[in-house]
Amino acid sequence: MLDRDTARFLEDGMASTGDRPILLLDVDGVLNAASVDLPEGWRRGTFNGYVLSWDPTITARLRELHESGRVEIQWLTTWTTDADRLLAEPMGLPRGLRTHARADSAPTGFLGSLGGRSGWWKLTAAQAVAEAEPDRRIVWIDDDLAQQAADTDDWLAANPHVLVVAPDLFVGLTHGQLDAIEAWL
């Protein structure tokens, strides 16, 4: 059975999901910037006891990339299925996106310069996506990519079909970074 988005794109004569690049999307440090001061136009909400802040113009662009068939967004975040269940609609993203979860399901929290290191399960998940979909390009957006460069460099060098974007966790994903992603697509 085809998922809702795939069926719609096939009916519209657009590329099937298998032809679209995959966009692996993190939440904390990407959509949710770790900033105390809320920039003008940003929104704030409390989800599962955590206060998140996001730029609705960024999530609108991500949604448009997904809905236009330019990418297939998939969650790769410690929020796992809660990203789809709790965050997607309030942030303006589509529901029903595929989610990649940590194999041992141990909580990891907000990493990066805020402390802690869990051994990076997301690299294993991204590698599994690339192996399962060898003919698809991948955009991977995660603020921790900069801190995990020692672990990811060799794999990324061997996989030029993977574009990585590492936003500053205090700023989050920017329009300039989205412009670069769109140019790469």
N, C-alpha and C. Protein backbone atom coordinates (compact mmCIF):
# COMPACT_ATOMS: atom_id res chain seq x y z
N MET A 1 0.84 -1.19 0.00
CA MET A 1 0.00 0.00 0.00
C MET A 1 0.87 1.24 0.00
N LEU A 2 0.58 2.19 -0.86
CA LEU A 2 1.34 3.43 -0.96
C LEU A 2 0.95 4.38 0.15
N ASP A 3 1.94 5.12 0.68
CA ASP A 3 1.60 6.14 1.66
C ASP A 3 0.90 7.29 0.93
N ARG A 4 0.28 8.16 1.68
CA ARG A 4 -0.52 9.26 1.15
C ARG A 4 0.28 10.14 0.20
N ASP A 5 1.50 10.54 0.58
CA ASP A 5 2.30 11.43 -0.26
C ASP A 5 2.73 10.77 -1.56
N THR A 6 3.15 9.52 -1.48
CA THR A 6 3.57 8.81 -2.68
C THR A 6 2.41 8.68 -3.66
N ALA A 7 1.25 8.29 -3.16
CA ALA A 7 0.07 8.15 -4.01
C ALA A 7 -0.27 9.47 -4.69
N ARG A 8 -0.21 10.57 -3.93
CA ARG A 8 -0.54 11.87 -4.50
C ARG A 8 0.44 12.26 -5.60
N PHE A 9 1.75 12.04 -5.38
CA PHE A 9 2.73 12.40 -6.39
C PHE A 9 2.59 11.53 -7.64
N LEU A 10 2.27 10.26 -7.48
CA LEU A 10 2.09 9.40 -8.64
C LEU A 10 0.85 9.82 -9.42
N GLU A 11 -0.23 10.17 -8.71
CA GLU A 11 -1.45 10.61 -9.39
C GLU A 11 -1.22 11.91 -10.15
N ASP A 12 -0.38 12.79 -9.58
CA ASP A 12 -0.12 14.07 -10.22
C ASP A 12 0.89 13.97 -11.35
N GLY A 13 1.43 12.76 -11.60
CA GLY A 13 2.40 12.59 -12.66
C GLY A 13 3.80 13.03 -12.26
N MET A 14 4.02 13.24 -10.97
CA MET A 14 5.34 13.67 -10.51
C MET A 14 6.17 12.43 -10.18
N ALA A 15 7.40 12.65 -9.82
CA ALA A 15 8.32 11.56 -9.51
C ALA A 15 7.82 10.76 -8.31
N SER A 16 8.07 9.47 -8.34
CA SER A 16 7.73 8.65 -7.19
C SER A 16 8.68 8.97 -6.05
N THR A 17 8.32 8.53 -4.85
CA THR A 17 9.16 8.77 -3.68
C THR A 17 10.57 8.27 -3.92
N GLY A 18 10.73 7.16 -4.64
CA GLY A 18 12.03 6.59 -4.89
C GLY A 18 12.96 7.46 -5.72
N ASP A 19 12.42 8.43 -6.43
CA ASP A 19 13.23 9.31 -7.25
C ASP A 19 13.63 10.60 -6.52
N ARG A 20 12.93 10.91 -5.46
CA ARG A 20 13.19 12.15 -4.72
C ARG A 20 14.35 11.98 -3.76
N PRO A 21 15.17 13.01 -3.59
CA PRO A 21 16.18 12.95 -2.53
C PRO A 21 15.50 12.86 -1.16
N ILE A 22 16.18 12.23 -0.23
CA ILE A 22 15.71 12.13 1.15
C ILE A 22 16.32 13.28 1.93
N LEU A 23 15.53 13.93 2.76
CA LEU A 23 16.03 14.96 3.66
C LEU A 23 15.86 14.46 5.09
N LEU A 24 16.98 14.11 5.71
CA LEU A 24 16.99 13.63 7.10
C LEU A 24 17.01 14.85 8.01
N LEU A 25 15.98 15.01 8.83
CA LEU A 25 15.77 16.24 9.58
C LEU A 25 15.83 16.02 11.09
N ASP A 26 16.70 16.78 11.74
CA ASP A 26 16.80 16.82 13.19
C ASP A 26 15.89 17.93 13.71
N VAL A 27 15.65 17.95 15.00
CA VAL A 27 14.81 18.99 15.60
C VAL A 27 15.66 19.96 16.41
N ASP A 28 16.23 19.51 17.52
CA ASP A 28 16.96 20.40 18.41
C ASP A 28 18.25 20.88 17.76
N GLY A 29 18.40 22.21 17.73
CA GLY A 29 19.57 22.81 17.08
C GLY A 29 19.37 23.05 15.60
N VAL A 30 18.28 22.52 15.03
CA VAL A 30 17.97 22.71 13.61
C VAL A 30 16.67 23.50 13.49
N LEU A 31 15.56 22.90 13.88
CA LEU A 31 14.30 23.63 13.90
C LEU A 31 14.17 24.41 15.20
N ASN A 32 14.55 23.79 16.30
CA ASN A 32 14.49 24.38 17.64
C ASN A 32 15.87 24.93 17.98
N ALA A 33 16.01 26.25 17.87
CA ALA A 33 17.29 26.87 18.20
C ALA A 33 17.38 27.06 19.71
N ALA A 34 18.57 26.82 20.24
CA ALA A 34 18.81 26.94 21.68
C ALA A 34 19.12 28.40 22.02
N SER A 35 18.16 29.26 21.76
CA SER A 35 18.34 30.69 21.96
C SER A 35 17.34 31.18 23.00
N VAL A 36 17.82 31.99 23.92
CA VAL A 36 16.93 32.54 24.94
C VAL A 36 16.06 33.64 24.34
N ASP A 37 16.68 34.49 23.53
CA ASP A 37 15.94 35.59 22.90
C ASP A 37 15.26 35.09 21.64
N LEU A 38 13.95 35.26 21.59
CA LEU A 38 13.17 34.81 20.45
C LEU A 38 13.22 35.86 19.34
N PRO A 39 13.80 35.50 18.18
CA PRO A 39 13.83 36.47 17.07
C PRO A 39 12.42 36.84 16.63
N GLU A 40 12.29 38.02 16.05
CA GLU A 40 10.98 38.49 15.59
C GLU A 40 10.38 37.50 14.60
N GLY A 41 9.11 37.19 14.78
CA GLY A 41 8.39 36.29 13.88
C GLY A 41 8.47 34.82 14.27
N TRP A 42 9.35 34.48 15.20
CA TRP A 42 9.47 33.09 15.64
C TRP A 42 8.31 32.72 16.55
N ARG A 43 8.08 31.44 16.66
CA ARG A 43 7.03 30.91 17.55
C ARG A 43 7.68 30.08 18.64
N ARG A 44 6.94 29.94 19.72
CA ARG A 44 7.42 29.15 20.85
C ARG A 44 6.25 28.30 21.35
N GLY A 45 6.57 27.06 21.75
CA GLY A 45 5.56 26.17 22.30
C GLY A 45 6.20 25.20 23.26
N THR A 46 5.37 24.59 24.09
CA THR A 46 5.85 23.60 25.05
C THR A 46 5.32 22.23 24.63
N PHE A 47 6.25 21.28 24.48
CA PHE A 47 5.92 19.94 24.01
C PHE A 47 6.61 18.93 24.92
N ASN A 48 5.82 18.06 25.52
CA ASN A 48 6.38 17.05 26.43
C ASN A 48 7.22 17.70 27.53
N GLY A 49 6.84 18.89 27.94
CA GLY A 49 7.56 19.60 29.00
C GLY A 49 8.76 20.40 28.53
N TYR A 50 9.08 20.38 27.23
CA TYR A 50 10.22 21.12 26.71
C TYR A 50 9.73 22.33 25.92
N VAL A 51 10.37 23.47 26.13
CA VAL A 51 10.04 24.68 25.39
C VAL A 51 10.86 24.69 24.11
N LEU A 52 10.18 24.78 22.98
CA LEU A 52 10.84 24.83 21.68
C LEU A 52 10.53 26.15 21.00
N SER A 53 11.51 26.66 20.26
CA SER A 53 11.36 27.90 19.50
C SER A 53 11.74 27.61 18.06
N TRP A 54 10.93 28.10 17.11
CA TRP A 54 11.20 27.84 15.69
C TRP A 54 10.76 28.99 14.82
N ASP A 55 11.34 29.04 13.63
CA ASP A 55 11.03 30.05 12.64
C ASP A 55 10.01 29.44 11.67
N PRO A 56 8.76 29.91 11.67
CA PRO A 56 7.76 29.32 10.79
C PRO A 56 8.06 29.52 9.31
N THR A 57 8.89 30.49 8.95
CA THR A 57 9.24 30.65 7.54
C THR A 57 10.20 29.54 7.09
N ILE A 58 11.01 29.03 8.01
CA ILE A 58 11.91 27.91 7.70
C ILE A 58 11.08 26.63 7.54
N THR A 59 10.18 26.37 8.48
CA THR A 59 9.38 25.15 8.37
C THR A 59 8.45 25.20 7.17
N ALA A 60 7.99 26.40 6.79
CA ALA A 60 7.16 26.52 5.58
C ALA A 60 7.96 26.16 4.34
N ARG A 61 9.22 26.58 4.27
CA ARG A 61 10.06 26.22 3.12
C ARG A 61 10.33 24.72 3.08
N LEU A 62 10.58 24.13 4.24
CA LEU A 62 10.79 22.68 4.29
C LEU A 62 9.53 21.95 3.81
N ARG A 63 8.38 22.39 4.29
CA ARG A 63 7.12 21.76 3.88
C ARG A 63 6.93 21.88 2.37
N GLU A 64 7.24 23.04 1.80
CA GLU A 64 7.10 23.24 0.36
C GLU A 64 8.04 22.32 -0.42
N LEU A 65 9.27 22.16 0.07
CA LEU A 65 10.20 21.24 -0.59
C LEU A 65 9.63 19.82 -0.61
N HIS A 66 9.02 19.42 0.50
CA HIS A 66 8.44 18.08 0.61
C HIS A 66 7.21 17.95 -0.29
N GLU A 67 6.30 18.89 -0.16
CA GLU A 67 5.02 18.79 -0.88
C GLU A 67 5.18 18.98 -2.39
N SER A 68 6.21 19.70 -2.80
CA SER A 68 6.44 19.90 -4.24
C SER A 68 7.12 18.69 -4.87
N GLY A 69 7.57 17.75 -4.04
CA GLY A 69 8.23 16.55 -4.57
C GLY A 69 9.72 16.71 -4.74
N ARG A 70 10.29 17.82 -4.28
CA ARG A 70 11.74 18.01 -4.43
C ARG A 70 12.53 17.17 -3.44
N VAL A 71 11.95 16.89 -2.26
CA VAL A 71 12.58 16.02 -1.26
C VAL A 71 11.50 15.22 -0.55
N GLU A 72 11.93 14.16 0.09
CA GLU A 72 11.07 13.41 1.02
C GLU A 72 11.68 13.61 2.40
N ILE A 73 11.00 14.38 3.24
CA ILE A 73 11.50 14.61 4.60
C ILE A 73 11.28 13.35 5.43
N GLN A 74 12.31 12.99 6.18
CA GLN A 74 12.24 11.90 7.15
C GLN A 74 12.87 12.41 8.44
N TRP A 75 12.27 12.07 9.57
CA TRP A 75 12.79 12.49 10.87
C TRP A 75 13.99 11.64 11.26
N LEU A 76 15.07 12.31 11.67
CA LEU A 76 16.24 11.66 12.27
C LEU A 76 16.60 12.53 13.48
N THR A 77 15.92 12.26 14.59
CA THR A 77 15.98 13.11 15.77
C THR A 77 15.76 12.28 17.02
N THR A 78 16.28 12.76 18.14
CA THR A 78 16.02 12.08 19.41
C THR A 78 14.55 12.17 19.80
N TRP A 79 13.80 13.04 19.16
CA TRP A 79 12.35 13.12 19.40
C TRP A 79 11.64 11.91 18.80
N THR A 80 12.26 11.19 17.91
CA THR A 80 11.73 10.02 17.19
C THR A 80 10.27 10.25 16.80
N THR A 81 9.38 9.34 17.16
CA THR A 81 7.98 9.44 16.72
C THR A 81 7.26 10.64 17.34
N ASP A 82 7.79 11.18 18.45
CA ASP A 82 7.18 12.38 19.02
C ASP A 82 7.32 13.58 18.09
N ALA A 83 8.33 13.59 17.22
CA ALA A 83 8.46 14.68 16.26
C ALA A 83 7.22 14.73 15.37
N ASP A 84 6.80 13.59 14.88
CA ASP A 84 5.61 13.54 14.03
C ASP A 84 4.34 13.77 14.85
N ARG A 85 4.26 13.13 15.98
CA ARG A 85 3.05 13.17 16.80
C ARG A 85 2.83 14.53 17.47
N LEU A 86 3.90 15.15 17.99
CA LEU A 86 3.75 16.37 18.77
C LEU A 86 4.16 17.65 18.05
N LEU A 87 5.16 17.57 17.17
CA LEU A 87 5.77 18.78 16.65
C LEU A 87 5.36 19.15 15.23
N ALA A 88 5.10 18.17 14.38
CA ALA A 88 4.89 18.44 12.96
C ALA A 88 3.81 19.50 12.72
N GLU A 89 2.61 19.25 13.18
CA GLU A 89 1.52 20.19 12.90
C GLU A 89 1.74 21.57 13.51
N PRO A 90 2.09 21.68 14.79
CA PRO A 90 2.30 23.03 15.34
C PRO A 90 3.43 23.79 14.64
N MET A 91 4.44 23.09 14.17
CA MET A 91 5.55 23.75 13.48
C MET A 91 5.26 23.98 11.99
N GLY A 92 4.17 23.44 11.50
CA GLY A 92 3.80 23.65 10.10
C GLY A 92 4.39 22.64 9.14
N LEU A 93 4.81 21.50 9.66
CA LEU A 93 5.36 20.44 8.81
C LEU A 93 4.31 19.36 8.58
N PRO A 94 4.46 18.57 7.52
CA PRO A 94 3.47 17.52 7.27
C PRO A 94 3.57 16.40 8.30
N ARG A 95 2.45 15.77 8.55
CA ARG A 95 2.39 14.60 9.44
C ARG A 95 2.63 13.35 8.61
N GLY A 96 2.92 12.25 9.29
CA GLY A 96 3.06 10.96 8.63
C GLY A 96 4.41 10.73 7.99
N LEU A 97 5.42 11.51 8.38
CA LEU A 97 6.76 11.33 7.82
C LEU A 97 7.42 10.12 8.45
N ARG A 98 8.27 9.46 7.67
CA ARG A 98 9.02 8.32 8.19
C ARG A 98 9.94 8.80 9.30
N THR A 99 10.10 7.97 10.33
CA THR A 99 10.95 8.29 11.47
C THR A 99 12.02 7.24 11.64
N HIS A 100 13.25 7.68 11.87
CA HIS A 100 14.36 6.78 12.17
C HIS A 100 14.66 6.92 13.65
N ALA A 101 14.68 5.80 14.34
CA ALA A 101 14.86 5.82 15.79
C ALA A 101 16.16 5.14 16.18
N ARG A 102 16.62 5.46 17.33
CA ARG A 102 17.80 4.84 17.92
C ARG A 102 17.48 3.38 18.21
N ALA A 103 18.37 2.49 17.85
CA ALA A 103 18.12 1.05 17.99
C ALA A 103 17.85 0.64 19.43
N ASP A 104 18.59 1.21 20.39
CA ASP A 104 18.40 0.81 21.79
C ASP A 104 17.38 1.67 22.51
N SER A 105 16.83 2.66 21.85
CA SER A 105 15.80 3.58 22.35
C SER A 105 16.17 4.26 23.66
N ALA A 106 17.45 4.34 23.97
CA ALA A 106 17.87 5.06 25.17
C ALA A 106 17.76 6.55 24.93
N PRO A 107 17.29 7.31 25.91
CA PRO A 107 17.19 8.76 25.72
C PRO A 107 18.59 9.37 25.62
N THR A 108 18.72 10.38 24.77
CA THR A 108 20.03 11.01 24.61
C THR A 108 20.00 12.49 24.92
N GLY A 109 18.85 13.14 24.83
CA GLY A 109 18.77 14.55 25.16
C GLY A 109 19.37 15.44 24.09
N PHE A 110 19.55 16.68 24.44
CA PHE A 110 20.08 17.71 23.57
C PHE A 110 21.59 17.70 23.71
N LEU A 111 22.28 17.23 22.69
CA LEU A 111 23.73 17.06 22.78
C LEU A 111 24.45 18.34 22.37
N GLY A 112 25.46 18.22 21.56
CA GLY A 112 26.23 19.38 21.14
C GLY A 112 26.97 19.99 22.30
N SER A 113 27.17 21.31 22.25
CA SER A 113 27.96 21.97 23.27
C SER A 113 27.22 22.09 24.59
N LEU A 114 25.97 21.67 24.65
CA LEU A 114 25.24 21.69 25.91
C LEU A 114 25.59 20.50 26.78
N GLY A 115 26.40 19.59 26.29
CA GLY A 115 26.92 18.52 27.13
C GLY A 115 26.42 17.15 26.74
N GLY A 116 27.18 16.14 27.13
CA GLY A 116 26.79 14.77 26.92
C GLY A 116 27.24 14.25 25.57
N ARG A 117 27.48 12.96 25.48
CA ARG A 117 27.77 12.30 24.22
C ARG A 117 27.30 10.87 24.35
N SER A 118 26.59 10.41 23.37
CA SER A 118 25.96 9.10 23.48
C SER A 118 26.58 8.05 22.58
N GLY A 119 27.65 8.36 21.85
CA GLY A 119 28.09 7.47 20.78
C GLY A 119 27.06 7.70 19.69
N TRP A 120 27.44 8.11 18.52
CA TRP A 120 26.45 8.74 17.66
C TRP A 120 25.62 7.77 16.85
N TRP A 121 24.45 7.49 17.35
CA TRP A 121 23.52 6.56 16.72
C TRP A 121 23.00 7.09 15.39
N LYS A 122 22.96 8.40 15.21
CA LYS A 122 22.41 8.96 13.97
C LYS A 122 23.26 8.62 12.74
N LEU A 123 24.57 8.51 12.92
CA LEU A 123 25.41 8.11 11.80
C LEU A 123 25.02 6.71 11.33
N THR A 124 24.82 5.79 12.26
CA THR A 124 24.40 4.43 11.92
C THR A 124 23.05 4.47 11.18
N ALA A 125 22.14 5.30 11.65
CA ALA A 125 20.83 5.41 11.01
C ALA A 125 20.96 6.00 9.60
N ALA A 126 21.77 7.04 9.43
CA ALA A 126 21.96 7.64 8.10
C ALA A 126 22.62 6.64 7.15
N GLN A 127 23.58 5.87 7.66
CA GLN A 127 24.22 4.85 6.82
C GLN A 127 23.20 3.80 6.38
N ALA A 128 22.30 3.42 7.28
CA ALA A 128 21.26 2.44 6.94
C ALA A 128 20.33 2.98 5.86
N VAL A 129 19.98 4.26 5.95
CA VAL A 129 19.14 4.89 4.92
C VAL A 129 19.87 4.85 3.58
N ALA A 130 21.14 5.23 3.57
CA ALA A 130 21.91 5.24 2.33
C ALA A 130 22.05 3.84 1.73
N GLU A 131 22.24 2.84 2.57
CA GLU A 131 22.33 1.46 2.08
C GLU A 131 21.00 0.97 1.53
N ALA A 132 19.91 1.32 2.19
CA ALA A 132 18.59 0.88 1.75
C ALA A 132 18.13 1.60 0.49
N GLU A 133 18.65 2.80 0.27
CA GLU A 133 18.24 3.64 -0.87
C GLU A 133 19.48 4.09 -1.65
N PRO A 134 20.26 3.18 -2.23
CA PRO A 134 21.55 3.55 -2.82
C PRO A 134 21.46 4.49 -4.03
N ASP A 135 20.31 4.57 -4.67
CA ASP A 135 20.17 5.42 -5.85
C ASP A 135 19.59 6.79 -5.53
N ARG A 136 19.35 7.06 -4.25
CA ARG A 136 18.76 8.35 -3.87
C ARG A 136 19.80 9.26 -3.22
N ARG A 137 19.75 10.54 -3.58
CA ARG A 137 20.59 11.52 -2.91
C ARG A 137 20.00 11.80 -1.53
N ILE A 138 20.84 12.22 -0.61
CA ILE A 138 20.42 12.46 0.76
C ILE A 138 20.93 13.82 1.21
N VAL A 139 20.04 14.60 1.82
CA VAL A 139 20.40 15.82 2.52
C VAL A 139 20.22 15.51 4.00
N TRP A 140 21.27 15.71 4.79
CA TRP A 140 21.22 15.40 6.21
C TRP A 140 21.47 16.70 6.97
N ILE A 141 20.45 17.15 7.72
CA ILE A 141 20.55 18.40 8.47
C ILE A 141 20.56 18.07 9.96
N ASP A 142 21.68 18.35 10.61
CA ASP A 142 21.82 18.07 12.04
C ASP A 142 22.91 18.97 12.61
N ASP A 143 22.61 19.70 13.67
CA ASP A 143 23.60 20.58 14.28
C ASP A 143 24.79 19.80 14.83
N ASP A 144 24.60 18.55 15.22
CA ASP A 144 25.69 17.76 15.80
C ASP A 144 26.68 17.26 14.76
N LEU A 145 26.41 17.45 13.48
CA LEU A 145 27.36 17.00 12.45
C LEU A 145 28.73 17.66 12.61
N ALA A 146 28.76 18.90 13.05
CA ALA A 146 30.05 19.58 13.25
C ALA A 146 30.84 18.91 14.37
N GLN A 147 30.17 18.57 15.49
CA GLN A 147 30.87 17.93 16.60
C GLN A 147 31.22 16.47 16.31
N GLN A 148 30.51 15.85 15.40
CA GLN A 148 30.73 14.44 15.10
C GLN A 148 31.56 14.24 13.84
N ALA A 149 32.26 15.29 13.39
CA ALA A 149 33.00 15.22 12.13
C ALA A 149 34.01 14.09 12.11
N ALA A 150 34.67 13.83 13.22
CA ALA A 150 35.68 12.76 13.24
C ALA A 150 35.04 11.41 12.93
N ASP A 151 33.80 11.22 13.38
CA ASP A 151 33.10 9.96 13.14
C ASP A 151 32.49 9.88 11.74
N THR A 152 32.13 11.02 11.17
CA THR A 152 31.39 11.02 9.90
C THR A 152 32.24 11.29 8.67
N ASP A 153 33.42 11.89 8.82
CA ASP A 153 34.22 12.32 7.67
C ASP A 153 34.49 11.22 6.66
N ASP A 154 34.95 10.06 7.09
CA ASP A 154 35.29 8.98 6.15
C ASP A 154 34.07 8.52 5.37
N TRP A 155 32.95 8.34 6.06
CA TRP A 155 31.74 7.89 5.39
C TRP A 155 31.26 8.93 4.39
N LEU A 156 31.27 10.20 4.80
CA LEU A 156 30.81 11.25 3.89
C LEU A 156 31.72 11.38 2.67
N ALA A 157 33.01 11.25 2.86
CA ALA A 157 33.94 11.33 1.74
C ALA A 157 33.67 10.23 0.72
N ALA A 158 33.23 9.08 1.18
CA ALA A 158 32.94 7.95 0.29
C ALA A 158 31.53 8.02 -0.30
N ASN A 159 30.74 9.00 0.11
CA ASN A 159 29.35 9.11 -0.34
C ASN A 159 29.04 10.54 -0.79
N PRO A 160 29.51 10.94 -1.95
CA PRO A 160 29.29 12.31 -2.42
C PRO A 160 27.83 12.63 -2.74
N HIS A 161 26.97 11.62 -2.73
CA HIS A 161 25.54 11.86 -2.95
C HIS A 161 24.84 12.28 -1.66
N VAL A 162 25.62 12.47 -0.58
CA VAL A 162 25.07 12.92 0.70
C VAL A 162 25.57 14.34 0.96
N LEU A 163 24.63 15.27 1.09
CA LEU A 163 24.94 16.65 1.46
C LEU A 163 24.64 16.82 2.94
N VAL A 164 25.60 17.33 3.69
CA VAL A 164 25.36 17.57 5.12
C VAL A 164 25.31 19.06 5.39
N VAL A 165 24.40 19.44 6.27
CA VAL A 165 24.25 20.82 6.70
C VAL A 165 24.22 20.79 8.22
N ALA A 166 25.12 21.56 8.84
CA ALA A 166 25.25 21.58 10.29
C ALA A 166 24.96 22.99 10.82
N PRO A 167 23.70 23.29 11.10
CA PRO A 167 23.38 24.62 11.62
C PRO A 167 24.01 24.85 12.99
N ASP A 168 24.21 26.11 13.30
CA ASP A 168 24.63 26.50 14.64
C ASP A 168 23.43 26.26 15.57
N LEU A 169 23.63 25.50 16.63
CA LEU A 169 22.49 25.13 17.47
C LEU A 169 21.82 26.32 18.12
N PHE A 170 22.52 27.46 18.25
CA PHE A 170 21.92 28.65 18.84
C PHE A 170 21.16 29.49 17.82
N VAL A 171 21.32 29.17 16.53
CA VAL A 171 20.66 29.91 15.44
C VAL A 171 19.62 29.04 14.76
N GLY A 172 19.91 27.76 14.60
CA GLY A 172 19.03 26.86 13.87
C GLY A 172 19.25 26.98 12.37
N LEU A 173 18.48 26.23 11.61
CA LEU A 173 18.56 26.23 10.16
C LEU A 173 18.21 27.61 9.63
N THR A 174 19.01 28.10 8.68
CA THR A 174 18.80 29.45 8.15
C THR A 174 18.31 29.40 6.71
N HIS A 175 17.81 30.54 6.25
CA HIS A 175 17.38 30.63 4.85
C HIS A 175 18.57 30.48 3.91
N GLY A 176 19.74 30.97 4.31
CA GLY A 176 20.94 30.79 3.50
C GLY A 176 21.28 29.31 3.33
N GLN A 177 21.15 28.54 4.40
CA GLN A 177 21.40 27.10 4.32
C GLN A 177 20.36 26.42 3.45
N LEU A 178 19.10 26.84 3.56
CA LEU A 178 18.06 26.28 2.68
C LEU A 178 18.31 26.65 1.23
N ASP A 179 18.82 27.85 0.97
CA ASP A 179 19.17 28.25 -0.40
C ASP A 179 20.24 27.31 -0.95
N ALA A 180 21.25 27.00 -0.12
CA ALA A 180 22.32 26.09 -0.55
C ALA A 180 21.78 24.69 -0.83
N ILE A 181 20.86 24.23 0.00
CA ILE A 181 20.23 22.92 -0.21
C ILE A 181 19.46 22.92 -1.52
N GLU A 182 18.67 23.95 -1.75
CA GLU A 182 17.89 24.02 -2.99
C GLU A 182 18.79 24.07 -4.22
N ALA A 183 19.90 24.77 -4.13
CA ALA A 183 20.85 24.83 -5.26
C ALA A 183 21.44 23.45 -5.51
N TRP A 184 21.74 22.68 -4.45
CA TRP A 184 22.30 21.34 -4.58
C TRP A 184 21.28 20.37 -5.19
N LEU A 185 20.01 20.59 -4.84
CA LEU A 185 18.95 19.72 -5.38
C LEU A 185 18.83 19.91 -6.88
